[in-house]
Amino acid sequence: MTTIKLDSIQVLALSGLGVAIGYYLKRLIPFLDKVNVPASVAGGLVYSMVILALRDRVVNFEMDLVLQRVLMIAFFTTVGMGASLKLLKVGGRLMLVFFGLATLGVLLENVLGVTLAKLLGLNPLIGLVAGSVTMAGGPATALAFGATFEEWGVQSATVLGVAAAMAGIVAGGLLGGYVGGGIIERRKLAPKATGNGAGAVTVEDNVAAGPGSRPVNESIMVNAIAIAVAMGLGTLVSMGLNSGAAAAGIKLILPEYIGAMIAAAFIRNLDDAFGFLRVSQERIDELGNVSLNVFIVMALLTLRLWELFNLALPVLVIIVAQLALVFVLARFLVFPLMGKNYDAAVAGGGFCGFMLGTTANALSSMEVLTSKYGSAPRAVIVVSLTGAFLIDFTNAAIITAMANWLR
């Protein structure tokens, strides 16, 4: 059987093309855009299916994936850069409430997943893969943790994670609008009249308007350097955490991007206080988006779809249970604790979006509601900050702690 070897530069080029293919598919098939399937996932899955069709029949591929690790750490570093304490103040008390509910949701997703995995006779770590790794985490977290879980004995963790994340994205995109709209219609809720176009306010607008704020540095170079430095310091943080755990007799294995996220958050908050870099969240997000999309396609290039079939049904059972859990949390916990008003209903829809998929799901679900019923700027800010930045920290910590305990 002929084997074609692709070096890291060729894989990078192929991955970039895969992102473009994904965007084309979303234009060609509107349903993909409706449920917020990431372009990188759509394009990467095309590659995976083509490679599956050719494998051991026509040609096999060997790929140098050295850049995959760099891109993964770069993306999660940009997440850490978003963890600004100034941004936390934008949402006020509701931010803390919603963040607490999201963290509880992450924990319950994992408890439910592990419990069902044991009942179905599966490795309990599979319950984590079908829990917050893929539900609250989405495809990026599934791919980031996949190799680690496979090292811990979970066969096909990566392919299972991607499949579960895709199912969650579709379900979250459909469920969010249904939950929020149902609450609004039943209770006949309406947005508060603001008269100032509040629906157009962004997170950065709110931060920039605060006292003592400084103009941000829009230079791609400065923001890229900040990410690179945080990545380097993150390796030292991870080494320190692992060494400290070993010295204390604790068997702890951390995903390698955890240190980078911590270092990035530290740099960001120092910068907020002293303004030595004045990083731009918009530029950071752009760089993170590039890293994430290329990383996902690169990871999907080696997705072993042939390993999915034996575990597809049990994992589907767990995913259906996760949908029910998120519905109950959004309807009977998020809505009441967020104030039982219009914004709370919109936040409940957003909660479904990112607890089952991605922040894009949450924003899309809320946009459907706000375009039909009226703006809910505080709900949008609270859900955006929690889904885009904050929950990744607690999700990674909970996954790591539970995985080290279960394995």
Protein backbone atom coordinates (compact mmCIF):
# COMPACT_ATOMS: atom_id res chain seq x y z
CA MET A 1 0.00 0.00 0.00
CA THR A 2 1.36 3.38 -1.03
CA THR A 3 1.94 5.85 1.83
CA ILE A 4 2.23 9.58 1.25
CA LYS A 5 4.18 11.57 3.85
CA LEU A 6 3.31 15.22 4.37
CA ASP A 7 5.67 17.55 6.25
CA SER A 8 4.54 20.21 8.73
CA ILE A 9 4.36 23.00 6.12
CA GLN A 10 2.25 20.88 3.77
CA VAL A 11 -0.05 19.93 6.65
CA LEU A 12 -0.39 23.61 7.58
CA ALA A 13 -1.34 24.49 4.00
CA LEU A 14 -3.83 21.61 3.86
CA SER A 15 -5.36 22.72 7.15
CA GLY A 16 -5.76 26.30 5.97
CA LEU A 17 -7.49 25.03 2.85
CA GLY A 18 -9.73 22.90 5.08
CA VAL A 19 -10.99 26.00 6.88
CA ALA A 20 -11.85 27.57 3.51
CA ILE A 21 -13.67 24.38 2.46
CA GLY A 22 -15.67 24.55 5.69
CA TYR A 23 -16.83 28.11 5.00
CA TYR A 24 -17.84 27.07 1.47
CA LEU A 25 -19.85 24.13 2.84
CA LYS A 26 -21.67 26.40 5.29
CA ARG A 27 -22.74 28.60 2.38
CA LEU A 28 -23.70 25.56 0.32
CA ILE A 29 -25.63 23.83 3.14
CA PRO A 30 -27.50 26.49 5.19
CA PHE A 31 -28.37 24.00 7.96
CA LEU A 32 -24.70 23.86 8.96
CA ASP A 33 -24.72 27.61 9.50
CA LYS A 34 -28.11 27.54 11.23
CA VAL A 35 -26.85 25.22 13.98
CA ASN A 36 -23.41 26.92 14.18
CA VAL A 37 -21.22 24.05 13.06
CA PRO A 38 -17.70 25.59 13.01
CA ALA A 39 -16.24 25.91 9.52
CA SER A 40 -13.07 24.16 10.67
CA VAL A 41 -15.09 21.15 11.89
CA ALA A 42 -17.04 20.95 8.62
CA GLY A 43 -13.89 21.14 6.50
CA GLY A 44 -11.90 18.84 8.76
CA LEU A 45 -14.59 16.17 8.69
CA VAL A 46 -14.52 16.22 4.89
CA TYR A 47 -10.81 15.40 5.07
CA SER A 48 -11.47 12.68 7.64
CA MET A 49 -14.08 10.99 5.45
CA VAL A 50 -11.87 11.17 2.37
CA ILE A 51 -8.93 9.69 4.29
CA LEU A 52 -11.25 6.96 5.64
CA ALA A 53 -12.44 6.10 2.12
CA LEU A 54 -8.86 5.88 0.80
CA ARG A 55 -7.33 4.09 3.80
CA ASP A 56 -5.91 0.63 3.02
CA ARG A 57 -7.65 0.74 -0.37
CA VAL A 58 -5.93 3.41 -2.46
CA VAL A 59 -3.40 5.30 -0.35
CA ASN A 60 -2.50 5.99 3.28
CA PHE A 61 -1.16 9.23 4.71
CA GLU A 62 1.47 10.06 7.31
CA MET A 63 1.45 13.64 8.56
CA ASP A 64 3.88 15.70 10.57
CA LEU A 65 1.64 17.32 13.21
CA VAL A 66 4.30 19.23 15.13
CA LEU A 67 2.42 22.51 14.59
CA GLN A 68 -0.80 21.07 16.02
CA ARG A 69 0.52 21.29 19.57
CA VAL A 70 1.71 24.87 19.06
CA LEU A 71 -1.65 25.99 17.67
CA MET A 72 -3.59 24.28 20.46
CA ILE A 73 -1.56 25.98 23.18
CA ALA A 74 -1.78 29.31 21.31
CA PHE A 75 -5.58 29.13 21.25
CA PHE A 76 -5.97 28.33 24.93
CA THR A 77 -3.47 31.08 25.71
CA THR A 78 -5.81 33.56 24.02
CA VAL A 79 -8.61 32.22 26.23
CA GLY A 80 -6.46 33.00 29.25
CA MET A 81 -5.83 36.48 27.87
CA GLY A 82 -9.58 37.06 27.98
CA ALA A 83 -9.83 36.42 31.73
CA SER A 84 -9.77 40.06 32.74
CA LEU A 85 -11.05 41.03 36.17
CA LYS A 86 -12.28 44.27 34.60
CA LEU A 87 -14.56 42.26 32.36
CA LEU A 88 -15.98 40.47 35.38
CA LYS A 89 -17.18 43.80 36.76
CA VAL A 90 -19.24 44.46 33.63
CA GLY A 91 -21.80 41.80 34.54
CA GLY A 92 -21.88 42.57 38.26
CA ARG A 93 -23.70 40.18 40.60
CA LEU A 94 -25.48 38.41 37.74
CA MET A 95 -22.10 37.51 36.26
CA LEU A 96 -21.11 35.66 39.43
CA VAL A 97 -24.49 33.92 39.62
CA PHE A 98 -24.35 32.79 36.00
CA PHE A 99 -20.73 31.74 36.25
CA GLY A 100 -21.58 29.70 39.34
CA LEU A 101 -24.49 28.03 37.53
CA ALA A 102 -22.26 27.23 34.55
CA THR A 103 -19.64 25.71 36.84
CA LEU A 104 -22.32 23.63 38.53
CA GLY A 105 -23.50 22.56 35.09
CA VAL A 106 -19.99 21.41 34.18
CA LEU A 107 -19.75 19.35 37.36
CA LEU A 108 -23.19 17.78 36.84
CA GLU A 109 -22.44 16.95 33.20
CA ASN A 110 -19.42 14.98 34.36
CA VAL A 111 -21.20 13.26 37.25
CA LEU A 112 -24.02 12.23 34.91
CA GLY A 113 -21.62 11.08 32.20
CA VAL A 114 -19.46 9.02 34.56
CA THR A 115 -22.51 7.45 36.27
CA LEU A 116 -24.08 6.39 32.98
CA ALA A 117 -20.75 5.13 31.63
CA LYS A 118 -20.42 2.84 34.65
CA LEU A 119 -24.02 1.63 34.28
CA LEU A 120 -23.38 0.86 30.62
CA GLY A 121 -20.21 -1.06 31.46
CA LEU A 122 -17.86 1.51 29.94
CA ASN A 123 -14.65 3.04 31.17
CA PRO A 124 -15.83 5.90 33.45
CA LEU A 125 -13.42 8.24 31.66
CA ILE A 126 -15.67 7.88 28.61
CA GLY A 127 -18.31 9.59 30.74
CA LEU A 128 -16.00 12.60 31.01
CA VAL A 129 -15.45 12.58 27.26
CA ALA A 130 -19.23 12.62 26.76
CA GLY A 131 -19.54 15.08 29.64
CA SER A 132 -18.12 18.56 29.93
CA VAL A 133 -15.11 17.72 27.76
CA THR A 134 -17.37 17.84 24.72
CA MET A 135 -20.61 19.41 25.94
CA ALA A 136 -19.39 22.57 27.70
CA GLY A 137 -15.96 22.26 26.09
CA GLY A 138 -16.86 21.78 22.43
CA PRO A 139 -14.61 20.43 19.68
CA ALA A 140 -11.47 22.30 20.76
CA THR A 141 -11.49 20.84 24.28
CA ALA A 142 -12.39 17.40 22.90
CA LEU A 143 -9.37 17.47 20.61
CA ALA A 144 -7.10 18.96 23.25
CA PHE A 145 -7.93 16.27 25.80
CA GLY A 146 -8.29 13.41 23.29
CA ALA A 147 -4.65 12.33 23.21
CA THR A 148 -4.37 12.53 27.00
CA PHE A 149 -7.44 10.33 27.52
CA GLU A 150 -6.10 7.83 24.98
CA GLU A 151 -2.86 7.64 26.97
CA TRP A 152 -5.01 6.85 30.03
CA GLY A 153 -6.59 3.87 28.28
CA VAL A 154 -9.68 5.35 26.61
CA GLN A 155 -9.49 3.99 23.10
CA SER A 156 -10.80 6.29 20.38
CA ALA A 157 -11.22 9.18 22.85
CA THR A 158 -10.50 11.75 20.16
CA VAL A 159 -12.98 10.44 17.61
CA LEU A 160 -15.61 9.93 20.29
CA GLY A 161 -15.04 13.44 21.53
CA VAL A 162 -15.45 14.99 18.11
CA ALA A 163 -18.62 12.98 17.43
CA ALA A 164 -20.10 13.96 20.80
CA ALA A 165 -19.12 17.61 20.32
CA MET A 166 -20.80 17.68 16.91
CA ALA A 167 -23.99 16.20 18.35
CA GLY A 168 -23.89 18.75 21.15
CA ILE A 169 -23.41 21.67 18.75
CA VAL A 170 -26.45 20.66 16.71
CA ALA A 171 -28.57 20.05 19.81
CA GLY A 172 -27.45 23.23 21.55
CA GLY A 173 -28.22 25.33 18.49
CA LEU A 174 -31.74 23.92 18.32
CA LEU A 175 -32.49 23.79 22.06
CA GLY A 176 -31.38 27.29 23.08
CA GLY A 177 -33.98 29.22 21.13
CA TYR A 178 -36.69 26.73 22.06
CA VAL A 179 -36.03 27.01 25.80
CA GLY A 180 -35.70 30.79 25.89
CA GLY A 181 -38.62 31.39 23.55
CA GLY A 182 -40.84 28.99 25.47
CA ILE A 183 -40.24 30.84 28.74
CA ILE A 184 -40.84 34.23 27.12
CA GLU A 185 -44.08 33.12 25.49
CA ARG A 186 -45.51 31.34 28.54
CA ARG A 187 -44.74 34.18 30.92
CA LYS A 188 -45.38 36.94 28.38
CA LEU A 189 -42.06 38.60 29.18
CA ALA A 190 -40.80 41.74 27.49
CA PRO A 191 -37.46 43.58 27.51
CA LYS A 192 -36.99 46.70 29.59
CA ALA A 193 -37.28 49.87 27.54
CA THR A 194 -33.88 51.55 27.30
CA GLY A 195 -34.30 53.94 24.40
CA ASN A 196 -30.55 54.08 23.81
CA GLY A 197 -29.84 51.20 21.44
CA ALA A 198 -28.39 49.12 24.25
CA GLY A 199 -28.57 45.99 22.17
CA ALA A 200 -25.59 47.21 20.19
CA VAL A 201 -23.31 47.59 23.21
CA THR A 202 -20.35 45.24 23.25
CA VAL A 203 -18.21 43.93 26.06
CA GLU A 204 -15.27 46.07 24.97
CA ASP A 205 -17.48 49.16 24.83
CA ASN A 206 -18.41 48.63 28.46
CA VAL A 207 -14.83 48.09 29.57
CA ALA A 208 -13.53 51.04 27.57
CA ALA A 209 -16.14 53.27 29.14
CA GLY A 210 -14.94 52.48 32.65
CA PRO A 211 -12.96 54.92 34.80
CA GLY A 212 -9.23 55.04 34.23
CA SER A 213 -9.45 53.05 31.00
CA ARG A 214 -6.64 53.27 28.43
CA PRO A 215 -6.80 52.98 24.64
CA VAL A 216 -5.89 49.46 23.55
CA ASN A 217 -2.96 48.62 21.29
CA GLU A 218 -4.37 47.34 17.99
CA SER A 219 -0.96 46.15 16.74
CA ILE A 220 -1.05 42.49 15.73
CA MET A 221 2.67 42.32 16.54
CA VAL A 222 2.26 43.45 20.17
CA ASN A 223 -0.67 41.14 20.82
CA ALA A 224 1.05 38.18 19.15
CA ILE A 225 4.17 38.77 21.26
CA ALA A 226 2.04 38.82 24.41
CA ILE A 227 0.59 35.43 23.44
CA ALA A 228 4.02 33.99 22.65
CA VAL A 229 5.48 35.15 25.97
CA ALA A 230 2.51 33.71 27.87
CA MET A 231 2.96 30.37 26.06
CA GLY A 232 6.61 30.25 27.09
CA LEU A 233 5.93 31.21 30.70
CA GLY A 234 3.10 28.68 30.71
CA THR A 235 5.54 25.82 30.20
CA LEU A 236 7.30 26.90 33.41
CA VAL A 237 3.98 27.16 35.26
CA SER A 238 2.99 23.65 34.16
CA MET A 239 6.40 22.27 35.18
CA GLY A 240 6.07 23.96 38.57
CA LEU A 241 2.56 22.60 39.15
CA ASN A 242 3.56 19.07 38.18
CA SER A 243 6.74 19.21 40.29
CA GLY A 244 4.83 20.57 43.28
CA ALA A 245 2.23 17.83 42.99
CA ALA A 246 4.90 15.14 42.70
CA ALA A 247 6.73 16.51 45.76
CA ALA A 248 3.47 16.32 47.69
CA GLY A 249 2.93 12.73 46.61
CA ILE A 250 -0.01 13.62 44.36
CA LYS A 251 -0.30 11.88 41.01
CA LEU A 252 -1.41 14.81 38.88
CA ILE A 253 -1.38 15.08 35.10
CA LEU A 254 -2.29 18.47 33.66
CA PRO A 255 -3.09 19.23 30.02
CA GLU A 256 -0.11 21.16 28.74
CA TYR A 257 -2.13 24.26 27.93
CA ILE A 258 -3.22 24.83 31.54
CA GLY A 259 0.01 26.62 32.44
CA ALA A 260 -0.31 28.87 29.40
CA MET A 261 -3.86 29.85 30.36
CA ILE A 262 -2.74 30.75 33.89
CA ALA A 263 0.25 32.75 32.65
CA ALA A 264 -1.89 34.57 30.10
CA ALA A 265 -4.50 35.50 32.71
CA PHE A 266 -1.75 36.83 34.98
CA ILE A 267 -0.23 38.93 32.18
CA ARG A 268 -3.64 40.25 31.13
CA ASN A 269 -4.57 41.46 34.59
CA LEU A 270 -1.14 43.02 35.14
CA ASP A 271 -1.60 44.80 31.83
CA ASP A 272 -5.07 45.99 32.86
CA ALA A 273 -3.56 47.44 36.04
CA PHE A 274 -0.39 49.04 34.62
CA GLY A 275 -0.98 49.33 30.87
CA PHE A 276 2.47 48.23 29.73
CA LEU A 277 1.08 46.35 26.69
CA ARG A 278 -2.55 47.51 26.46
CA VAL A 279 -3.54 44.29 24.71
CA SER A 280 -6.62 44.43 22.51
CA GLN A 281 -9.22 41.76 23.21
CA GLU A 282 -10.38 42.05 19.62
CA ARG A 283 -6.89 41.34 18.25
CA ILE A 284 -6.38 38.54 20.80
CA ASP A 285 -9.68 36.96 19.72
CA GLU A 286 -8.70 37.19 16.05
CA LEU A 287 -5.38 35.46 16.69
CA GLY A 288 -7.12 32.86 18.81
CA ASN A 289 -9.69 32.24 16.10
CA VAL A 290 -6.99 31.61 13.50
CA SER A 291 -5.14 29.23 15.84
CA LEU A 292 -8.31 27.38 16.77
CA ASN A 293 -9.60 26.86 13.24
CA VAL A 294 -6.31 25.63 11.81
CA PHE A 295 -5.70 23.45 14.89
CA ILE A 296 -9.10 21.76 14.58
CA VAL A 297 -8.64 20.92 10.90
CA MET A 298 -5.14 19.66 11.61
CA ALA A 299 -6.45 17.41 14.38
CA LEU A 300 -9.31 16.09 12.24
CA LEU A 301 -6.85 15.14 9.50
CA THR A 302 -5.86 12.19 11.68
CA LEU A 303 -9.31 11.38 13.07
CA ARG A 304 -9.77 7.60 13.09
CA LEU A 305 -13.43 7.38 12.15
CA TRP A 306 -13.30 3.59 11.82
CA GLU A 307 -12.95 3.33 15.60
CA LEU A 308 -16.29 5.03 16.30
CA PHE A 309 -18.82 2.31 15.53
CA ASN A 310 -18.61 0.07 18.60
CA LEU A 311 -19.16 2.90 21.10
CA ALA A 312 -21.56 5.07 19.10
CA LEU A 313 -24.79 3.82 20.72
CA PRO A 314 -23.71 3.98 24.39
CA VAL A 315 -22.26 7.45 23.92
CA LEU A 316 -25.47 8.54 22.20
CA VAL A 317 -27.42 7.46 25.31
CA ILE A 318 -25.16 9.65 27.46
CA ILE A 319 -25.55 12.62 25.11
CA VAL A 320 -29.35 12.39 25.19
CA ALA A 321 -29.19 12.42 28.99
CA GLN A 322 -26.94 15.50 28.84
CA LEU A 323 -29.54 17.30 26.73
CA ALA A 324 -32.19 16.57 29.33
CA LEU A 325 -29.88 17.79 32.11
CA VAL A 326 -29.11 21.10 30.40
CA PHE A 327 -32.79 21.66 29.62
CA VAL A 328 -33.72 21.16 33.28
CA LEU A 329 -30.92 23.43 34.49
CA ALA A 330 -31.80 26.22 32.06
CA ARG A 331 -35.54 26.04 32.69
CA PHE A 332 -35.68 25.45 36.42
CA LEU A 333 -32.42 26.89 37.77
CA VAL A 334 -30.91 29.48 35.43
CA PHE A 335 -34.15 31.33 34.73
CA PRO A 336 -35.27 31.66 38.38
CA LEU A 337 -31.83 32.53 39.79
CA MET A 338 -31.10 35.09 37.08
CA GLY A 339 -34.18 37.10 38.01
CA LYS A 340 -37.25 35.51 36.37
CA ASN A 341 -37.37 38.34 33.82
CA TYR A 342 -36.84 38.75 30.09
CA ASP A 343 -33.04 38.91 30.36
CA ALA A 344 -33.10 35.74 32.47
CA ALA A 345 -35.07 33.92 29.75
CA VAL A 346 -32.57 35.03 27.10
CA ALA A 347 -29.70 33.95 29.37
CA GLY A 348 -31.37 30.55 29.75
CA GLY A 349 -31.33 30.13 25.98
CA GLY A 350 -27.67 31.14 25.86
CA PHE A 351 -26.89 28.70 28.68
CA CYS A 352 -28.19 25.83 26.53
CA GLY A 353 -26.06 27.00 23.63
CA PHE A 354 -22.65 26.95 25.25
CA MET A 355 -23.30 24.13 27.74
CA LEU A 356 -23.97 21.85 24.76
CA GLY A 357 -21.65 23.31 22.17
CA THR A 358 -19.83 26.59 21.71
CA THR A 359 -20.18 30.26 22.57
CA ALA A 360 -21.26 30.76 18.95
CA ASN A 361 -24.27 28.54 19.70
CA ALA A 362 -25.10 30.67 22.71
CA LEU A 363 -24.83 33.95 20.80
CA SER A 364 -26.89 32.55 17.93
CA SER A 365 -29.59 31.31 20.29
CA MET A 366 -29.77 34.69 21.99
CA GLU A 367 -29.75 36.55 18.67
CA VAL A 368 -32.79 34.56 17.55
CA LEU A 369 -34.61 35.63 20.71
CA THR A 370 -33.51 39.28 20.77
CA SER A 371 -34.27 39.82 17.09
CA LYS A 372 -37.81 38.54 17.68
CA TYR A 373 -38.64 39.90 21.13
CA GLY A 374 -36.18 42.76 21.77
CA SER A 375 -32.66 43.44 23.06
CA ALA A 376 -31.19 41.95 26.23
CA PRO A 377 -27.72 43.55 26.47
CA ARG A 378 -26.91 42.44 30.02
CA ALA A 379 -27.77 38.81 29.23
CA VAL A 380 -25.60 38.93 26.11
CA ILE A 381 -22.63 40.34 28.04
CA VAL A 382 -22.94 37.87 30.93
CA VAL A 383 -23.34 34.81 28.70
CA SER A 384 -20.61 35.93 26.27
CA LEU A 385 -18.01 36.45 28.98
CA THR A 386 -18.87 33.22 30.77
CA GLY A 387 -18.99 31.09 27.63
CA ALA A 388 -16.00 32.60 25.87
CA PHE A 389 -13.53 32.87 28.74
CA LEU A 390 -14.48 32.00 32.29
CA ILE A 391 -15.99 28.54 31.96
CA ASP A 392 -12.90 27.22 30.17
CA PHE A 393 -10.89 27.69 33.36
CA THR A 394 -13.28 25.84 35.66
CA ASN A 395 -14.05 23.24 33.01
CA ALA A 396 -10.39 22.39 32.53
CA ALA A 397 -9.83 22.26 36.29
CA ILE A 398 -12.84 20.01 36.93
CA ILE A 399 -12.00 17.69 34.04
CA THR A 400 -8.38 17.38 35.17
CA ALA A 401 -9.32 16.74 38.81
CA MET A 402 -11.97 14.14 37.98
CA ALA A 403 -9.82 12.40 35.37
CA ASN A 404 -6.89 12.08 37.78
CA TRP A 405 -9.28 10.71 40.42
CA LEU A 406 -10.98 8.19 38.12
CA ARG A 407 -8.08 6.77 36.19
